[in-house]
Amino acid sequence: MLGMSEENPRFDDEFGSTYLLISPGTYQMGNPTNNSPKRELPNHQIEISQPFFLGKMQVTQIQWQSVMGNNPAKFNEGWSAGLRPMENVSWDDVQLFIEKLNTQHNDSPKLGLYGKWRLPSESEWEYAARAGTLSRWSFGDKDAELDEYGWHAGNSGASTREVGQKKANPWGLHDLHGNVSEWCLDDWSRNYEKTPRDQSPMSISGETRKLHRGGNWFTESDSTRCSARGSSPRNIAKDGIGFRLVWQPD
């Protein structure tokens, strides 16, 4: 797997969000332990062949409102609410947001390149969350250290919190362990037996459930691990699910 450094390419969008280059590489996706949940098996190698830019933070309420003109988030009160992650939006809602972002806010090149916004695939998400590590979380295997890196049931105060307050993972990405779980492109699959071995998303004809990753403000620490998986109907909005954006160069 290739690493990242502070010199890696990055750019800021018109809303003040920063996107970091995720370079190609390979990694072991899933949970390698003997007592792994079946949905996280089999542990398998993934090849990330195409670079992409990933949001340093989760998409905030202020960015959603700037694009969509509304704010359906549950935790939308108070002076700092705009800096909290967007939640209470379905996977289908997010696709409308991305479509609007691409048509109305993507007419200039980023670092001399043209591209488009989208959600990450599940394999891209875990690759970025692990950031070259093999441990349960990007910081190690001890959940006692989770408070320094993420918001979860034990420290959130029963709500989302402003993005970027906790320590970043080794590649400079924040809030991958908790705050809100993040929608991915993939259709829900019960395990990895038939999923792609590259960065493309899993597509299942007729499947109405979509993947989300990372755990959230009301889940216990185990749900915030790098390999932990969740799913929800694509048309259902929940206060524990938000999203992070990929910008994919053409």
Protein backbone atom coordinates (compact mmCIF):
# COMPACT_ATOMS: atom_id res chain seq x y z
CA MET A 1 0.00 0.00 0.00
CA LEU A 2 1.24 3.48 -0.79
CA GLY A 3 1.25 6.04 1.96
CA MET A 4 0.35 9.70 2.10
CA SER A 5 2.13 12.78 3.35
CA GLU A 6 1.41 16.45 3.93
CA GLU A 7 2.80 17.08 0.42
CA ASN A 8 0.14 14.96 -1.23
CA PRO A 9 -2.12 16.92 -3.59
CA ARG A 10 -5.26 18.41 -2.09
CA PHE A 11 -7.75 21.12 -2.94
CA ASP A 12 -10.49 23.17 -1.32
CA ASP A 13 -13.95 23.56 -2.86
CA GLU A 14 -16.07 26.70 -2.88
CA PHE A 15 -17.66 25.67 0.42
CA GLY A 16 -14.34 25.51 2.26
CA SER A 17 -14.12 21.71 2.33
CA THR A 18 -10.73 20.06 1.76
CA TYR A 19 -10.22 16.96 -0.40
CA LEU A 20 -7.12 14.78 -0.07
CA LEU A 21 -5.61 12.59 -2.78
CA ILE A 22 -5.92 8.87 -2.03
CA SER A 23 -3.22 7.11 -4.02
CA PRO A 24 -3.51 3.62 -5.55
CA GLY A 25 -2.46 0.55 -3.59
CA THR A 26 -3.58 -2.81 -2.24
CA TYR A 27 -4.92 -3.83 1.17
CA GLN A 28 -6.72 -6.59 3.03
CA MET A 29 -10.41 -5.74 3.35
CA GLY A 30 -12.60 -7.24 6.06
CA ASN A 31 -11.93 -8.74 9.47
CA PRO A 32 -9.10 -11.29 9.75
CA THR A 33 -9.85 -12.58 13.27
CA ASN A 34 -11.33 -16.00 14.06
CA ASN A 35 -14.42 -14.53 15.75
CA SER A 36 -15.26 -12.12 12.92
CA PRO A 37 -18.90 -11.37 12.13
CA LYS A 38 -19.84 -13.28 8.97
CA ARG A 39 -20.77 -10.03 7.23
CA GLU A 40 -17.09 -8.97 7.45
CA LEU A 41 -15.78 -12.19 5.85
CA PRO A 42 -13.94 -13.46 3.99
CA ASN A 43 -10.96 -11.21 4.49
CA HIS A 44 -9.68 -10.50 0.96
CA GLN A 45 -7.24 -8.40 -1.00
CA ILE A 46 -8.48 -5.28 -2.77
CA GLU A 47 -6.62 -3.41 -5.50
CA ILE A 48 -7.20 0.32 -5.66
CA SER A 49 -5.96 1.14 -9.17
CA GLN A 50 -7.45 4.59 -9.72
CA PRO A 51 -6.58 7.57 -7.50
CA PHE A 52 -9.39 9.65 -6.06
CA PHE A 53 -9.84 12.63 -3.79
CA LEU A 54 -11.75 12.10 -0.53
CA GLY A 55 -13.28 14.71 1.74
CA LYS A 56 -11.18 15.40 4.81
CA MET A 57 -14.45 15.85 6.74
CA GLN A 58 -18.01 14.61 6.52
CA VAL A 59 -20.35 16.86 4.52
CA THR A 60 -21.71 19.51 6.86
CA GLN A 61 -25.15 20.99 7.27
CA ILE A 62 -23.99 24.35 5.95
CA GLN A 63 -22.76 22.77 2.71
CA TRP A 64 -26.02 20.86 2.26
CA GLN A 65 -28.08 23.98 2.87
CA SER A 66 -25.92 26.01 0.48
CA VAL A 67 -26.58 23.51 -2.32
CA MET A 68 -30.11 22.31 -1.59
CA GLY A 69 -31.70 25.33 0.11
CA ASN A 70 -33.05 23.26 3.01
CA ASN A 71 -31.80 21.52 6.12
CA PRO A 72 -33.62 18.36 7.24
CA ALA A 73 -30.96 17.45 9.83
CA LYS A 74 -32.25 16.51 13.29
CA PHE A 75 -29.45 18.34 15.10
CA ASN A 76 -29.84 21.69 13.33
CA GLU A 77 -30.21 24.09 16.25
CA GLY A 78 -27.53 26.27 17.81
CA TRP A 79 -24.79 28.53 16.50
CA SER A 80 -22.47 25.62 15.62
CA ALA A 81 -25.08 23.38 13.93
CA GLY A 82 -23.85 24.31 10.46
CA LEU A 83 -20.51 22.67 11.26
CA ARG A 84 -22.10 19.41 12.34
CA PRO A 85 -22.34 16.59 9.82
CA MET A 86 -25.39 16.41 7.61
CA GLU A 87 -27.71 13.57 8.68
CA ASN A 88 -31.34 12.55 8.32
CA VAL A 89 -30.87 12.26 4.54
CA SER A 90 -31.49 9.06 2.59
CA TRP A 91 -29.14 7.55 0.02
CA ASP A 92 -31.53 8.77 -2.67
CA ASP A 93 -31.49 12.28 -1.16
CA VAL A 94 -27.70 12.26 -1.34
CA GLN A 95 -27.81 11.35 -5.04
CA LEU A 96 -29.93 14.44 -5.70
CA PHE A 97 -27.43 16.55 -3.76
CA ILE A 98 -24.52 15.12 -5.77
CA GLU A 99 -26.35 15.68 -9.06
CA LYS A 100 -26.90 19.32 -8.16
CA LEU A 101 -23.30 19.67 -7.00
CA ASN A 102 -22.02 18.32 -10.32
CA THR A 103 -24.28 20.49 -12.48
CA GLN A 104 -24.07 23.78 -10.57
CA HIS A 105 -20.80 23.75 -8.59
CA ASN A 106 -18.29 21.84 -10.69
CA ASP A 107 -17.48 24.01 -13.68
CA SER A 108 -13.86 24.78 -12.81
CA PRO A 109 -10.89 22.38 -12.76
CA LYS A 110 -9.34 21.11 -9.52
CA LEU A 111 -5.54 21.08 -9.68
CA GLY A 112 -5.86 21.39 -13.45
CA LEU A 113 -8.18 18.39 -13.72
CA TYR A 114 -11.87 17.96 -14.42
CA GLY A 115 -13.94 15.33 -12.67
CA LYS A 116 -17.14 14.65 -10.78
CA TRP A 117 -18.46 14.21 -7.26
CA ARG A 118 -19.79 10.88 -6.00
CA LEU A 119 -19.96 8.68 -2.92
CA PRO A 120 -17.07 6.34 -2.16
CA SER A 121 -17.41 2.63 -2.79
CA GLU A 122 -17.24 0.43 0.29
CA SER A 123 -13.75 -0.79 -0.62
CA GLU A 124 -12.52 2.78 -1.14
CA TRP A 125 -14.00 3.80 2.20
CA GLU A 126 -12.24 1.04 4.15
CA TYR A 127 -8.97 1.66 2.29
CA ALA A 128 -9.05 5.30 3.35
CA ALA A 129 -10.23 4.52 6.89
CA ARG A 130 -7.43 2.00 7.46
CA ALA A 131 -4.83 4.35 5.98
CA GLY A 132 -2.20 1.62 5.75
CA THR A 133 -2.98 0.04 9.12
CA LEU A 134 -4.06 -3.51 9.94
CA SER A 135 -5.62 -2.84 13.35
CA ARG A 136 -9.29 -2.70 14.41
CA TRP A 137 -9.20 1.09 14.20
CA SER A 138 -6.72 3.26 12.33
CA PHE A 139 -5.14 4.20 15.68
CA GLY A 140 -4.77 0.65 17.05
CA ASP A 141 -6.70 -2.15 18.75
CA LYS A 142 -7.64 -0.55 22.10
CA ASP A 143 -11.14 0.92 22.28
CA ALA A 144 -10.00 2.93 25.30
CA GLU A 145 -8.28 5.25 22.81
CA LEU A 146 -11.41 5.76 20.69
CA ASP A 147 -12.45 8.91 22.56
CA GLU A 148 -9.47 10.73 21.04
CA TYR A 149 -10.54 9.86 17.49
CA GLY A 150 -14.31 9.67 17.30
CA TRP A 151 -17.76 10.46 18.70
CA HIS A 152 -19.73 7.41 19.84
CA ALA A 153 -22.30 6.42 22.45
CA GLY A 154 -19.79 6.79 25.26
CA ASN A 155 -18.77 10.40 24.65
CA SER A 156 -21.10 12.14 22.18
CA GLY A 157 -23.63 13.51 24.66
CA ALA A 158 -26.47 11.94 22.63
CA SER A 159 -26.01 14.05 19.50
CA THR A 160 -23.71 14.66 16.56
CA ARG A 161 -20.76 16.98 17.10
CA GLU A 162 -18.95 19.51 14.93
CA VAL A 163 -16.74 17.82 12.32
CA GLY A 164 -12.97 17.72 12.70
CA GLN A 165 -12.71 18.04 16.47
CA LYS A 166 -11.10 14.65 16.99
CA LYS A 167 -7.68 13.44 15.85
CA ALA A 168 -7.27 12.53 12.18
CA ASN A 169 -6.25 9.10 10.93
CA PRO A 170 -2.74 8.61 9.46
CA TRP A 171 -3.85 10.01 6.10
CA GLY A 172 -5.34 13.18 7.58
CA LEU A 173 -9.03 12.20 7.45
CA HIS A 174 -11.34 13.03 10.36
CA ASP A 175 -14.42 11.37 11.92
CA LEU A 176 -14.15 8.01 10.15
CA HIS A 177 -14.82 6.34 13.51
CA GLY A 178 -18.22 7.63 14.62
CA ASN A 179 -20.17 10.92 14.56
CA VAL A 180 -22.35 9.77 11.64
CA SER A 181 -22.16 6.59 9.62
CA GLU A 182 -21.40 7.32 5.96
CA TRP A 183 -23.37 6.18 2.91
CA CYS A 184 -21.39 4.25 0.29
CA LEU A 185 -22.22 3.48 -3.34
CA ASP A 186 -22.65 -0.25 -2.78
CA ASP A 187 -25.75 -2.37 -2.57
CA TRP A 188 -25.88 -4.39 0.65
CA SER A 189 -24.30 -7.84 0.50
CA ARG A 190 -24.44 -10.27 3.42
CA ASN A 191 -20.73 -11.05 3.11
CA TYR A 192 -17.78 -10.68 0.74
CA GLU A 193 -18.01 -14.00 -1.10
CA LYS A 194 -19.11 -12.40 -4.39
CA THR A 195 -18.10 -8.76 -3.98
CA PRO A 196 -15.59 -7.07 -6.35
CA ARG A 197 -11.86 -7.37 -5.64
CA ASP A 198 -11.22 -3.86 -6.93
CA GLN A 199 -12.58 -0.45 -5.95
CA SER A 200 -15.83 -0.77 -7.88
CA PRO A 201 -19.08 -0.91 -5.85
CA MET A 202 -21.16 -4.04 -5.35
CA SER A 203 -24.28 -3.97 -7.52
CA ILE A 204 -27.16 -6.40 -6.94
CA SER A 205 -30.22 -6.21 -9.18
CA GLY A 206 -33.35 -5.41 -7.19
CA GLU A 207 -31.50 -4.77 -3.91
CA THR A 208 -32.99 -1.80 -2.02
CA ARG A 209 -30.55 -1.66 0.90
CA LYS A 210 -27.36 0.39 0.71
CA LEU A 211 -24.11 0.18 2.66
CA HIS A 212 -22.97 2.69 5.25
CA ARG A 213 -19.75 2.66 7.21
CA GLY A 214 -18.07 4.03 10.34
CA GLY A 215 -20.64 3.89 13.14
CA ASN A 216 -22.18 6.98 14.69
CA TRP A 217 -22.93 9.06 17.77
CA PHE A 218 -25.25 6.48 19.39
CA THR A 219 -23.44 3.22 18.51
CA GLU A 220 -21.01 1.38 20.75
CA SER A 221 -17.30 1.32 19.96
CA ASP A 222 -17.42 -2.00 18.08
CA SER A 223 -19.55 -0.44 15.33
CA THR A 224 -16.90 2.20 14.63
CA ARG A 225 -14.14 -0.26 13.65
CA CYS A 226 -12.58 -0.04 10.16
CA SER A 227 -14.22 -3.28 9.01
CA ALA A 228 -17.65 -2.80 10.65
CA ARG A 229 -20.54 -2.68 8.17
CA GLY A 230 -24.09 -1.35 8.30
CA SER A 231 -27.01 -1.13 5.89
CA SER A 232 -30.28 0.70 5.55
CA PRO A 233 -33.03 1.07 2.91
CA ARG A 234 -31.91 3.55 0.27
CA ASN A 235 -35.03 5.72 0.67
CA ILE A 236 -34.97 5.95 4.49
CA ALA A 237 -33.37 8.93 6.26
CA LYS A 238 -31.90 8.43 9.75
CA ASP A 239 -30.23 10.79 12.21
CA GLY A 240 -27.22 8.49 12.47
CA ILE A 241 -26.33 8.39 8.76
CA GLY A 242 -24.60 11.09 6.72
CA PHE A 243 -21.94 11.01 4.04
CA ARG A 244 -18.50 12.01 2.79
CA LEU A 245 -17.73 12.92 -0.80
CA VAL A 246 -15.30 11.61 -3.38
CA TRP A 247 -14.13 13.80 -6.24
CA GLN A 248 -13.08 11.50 -9.09
CA PRO A 249 -10.81 12.96 -11.81
CA ASP A 250 -11.90 12.13 -15.37
